Protein backbone atom coordinates (compact mmCIF):
# COMPACT_ATOMS: atom_id res chain seq x y z
CA MET A 1 80.39 73.76 -69.36
CA PRO A 2 78.49 75.43 -72.37
CA TYR A 3 76.15 78.33 -71.85
CA ALA A 4 72.83 78.84 -73.02
CA LEU A 5 70.42 82.81 -72.45
CA PHE A 6 67.33 81.72 -70.66
CA CYS A 7 64.59 83.97 -69.05
CA ASP A 8 62.28 81.42 -65.79
CA ASP A 9 63.42 78.15 -66.47
CA ALA A 10 63.47 78.17 -70.56
CA LYS A 11 66.32 77.87 -73.11
CA LEU A 12 66.10 80.46 -75.02
CA SER A 13 68.94 79.76 -77.15
CA LYS A 14 70.89 77.80 -78.97
CA THR A 15 74.24 76.24 -76.37
CA TYR A 16 77.52 78.41 -76.67
CA PRO A 17 80.71 77.03 -75.17
CA THR A 18 81.61 79.46 -72.62
CA GLU A 19 79.60 82.61 -70.50
CA ALA A 20 81.49 85.02 -73.04
CA ASP A 21 79.92 83.83 -76.10
CA VAL A 22 76.60 84.45 -75.24
CA TRP A 23 77.26 87.65 -73.19
CA LYS A 24 78.14 88.83 -77.11
CA LEU A 25 75.31 87.09 -78.89
CA ALA A 26 73.49 88.52 -76.15
CA ALA A 27 74.91 92.34 -76.86
CA GLU A 28 74.73 92.00 -80.70
CA SER A 29 70.71 91.41 -80.61
CA GLY A 30 69.55 94.66 -78.18
CA LEU A 31 69.11 91.85 -74.92
CA VAL A 32 71.75 93.78 -72.97
CA SER A 33 72.10 97.39 -70.55
CA ASP A 34 74.54 99.20 -69.81
CA VAL A 35 73.52 100.30 -66.09
CA ALA A 36 75.30 102.82 -63.43
CA SER A 37 77.39 100.62 -61.52
CA LYS A 38 77.02 100.53 -57.80
CA ASN A 39 79.59 101.29 -54.61
CA GLY A 40 81.24 104.48 -56.79
CA GLN A 41 82.86 102.41 -59.89
CA PRO A 42 83.40 104.29 -62.84
CA ALA A 43 82.84 101.94 -65.70
CA PRO A 44 78.88 101.00 -65.69
CA ARG A 45 77.50 97.38 -65.70
CA ARG A 46 76.79 95.09 -68.14
CA VAL A 47 72.85 94.03 -67.10
CA LEU A 48 70.13 91.90 -69.28
CA ASP A 49 66.67 92.71 -70.40
CA ASN A 50 63.62 91.42 -68.86
CA ASP A 51 65.03 89.26 -66.63
CA TYR A 52 67.10 87.08 -68.97
CA GLU A 53 70.10 85.04 -67.56
CA ILE A 54 73.11 83.45 -68.52
CA ARG A 55 73.68 80.21 -67.17
CA PRO A 56 75.49 76.86 -67.70
CA CYS A 57 73.03 74.21 -69.24
CA GLN A 58 73.50 71.02 -71.01
CA ALA A 59 73.81 70.89 -74.90
CA ASP A 60 71.12 69.49 -76.57
CA PRO A 61 71.68 65.51 -77.74
CA GLY A 62 73.29 66.33 -81.55
CA GLU A 63 74.40 70.12 -80.38
CA SER A 64 77.65 71.16 -80.37
CA PRO A 65 77.97 74.13 -78.27
CA GLU A 66 81.39 75.34 -80.85
CA LYS A 67 79.42 74.81 -83.86
CA ASN A 68 76.97 77.00 -82.58
CA GLU A 69 79.34 79.24 -81.72
CA ARG A 70 81.28 79.09 -85.50
CA GLU A 71 78.50 79.56 -87.03
CA ALA A 72 76.92 82.81 -85.26
CA GLN A 73 80.59 83.63 -86.13
CA GLU A 74 79.79 83.50 -89.84
CA GLN A 75 76.64 84.72 -89.83
CA LYS A 76 78.19 87.50 -88.70
CA ASP A 77 81.72 87.81 -91.11
CA PHE A 78 78.47 87.55 -93.68
CA GLN A 79 76.13 90.63 -92.71
CA LEU A 80 79.80 92.14 -92.30
CA GLN A 81 80.72 91.73 -95.84
CA LEU A 82 77.35 92.87 -97.06
CA LYS A 83 76.83 95.94 -95.44
CA GLY A 84 80.64 96.59 -96.89
CA ARG A 85 79.66 95.82 -100.57
């Protein structure tokens, strides 16, 4: 089941193959904060800002979650190459 970023009932992102893919993209976009853990856990926990949620969803007609993930990775790799020059 693919996943996407939502706010209320509005889908804000493309669909991606896994929930982890959406968390990664949300973090890279600055939408994730670390907050103190509950119950005395030693590590902070990640939360999405501004009532965002990551939910399972159906891909839009003609949309490929796997292609979206590949394109996001290619774009990130390209940006890293530009920074390295």
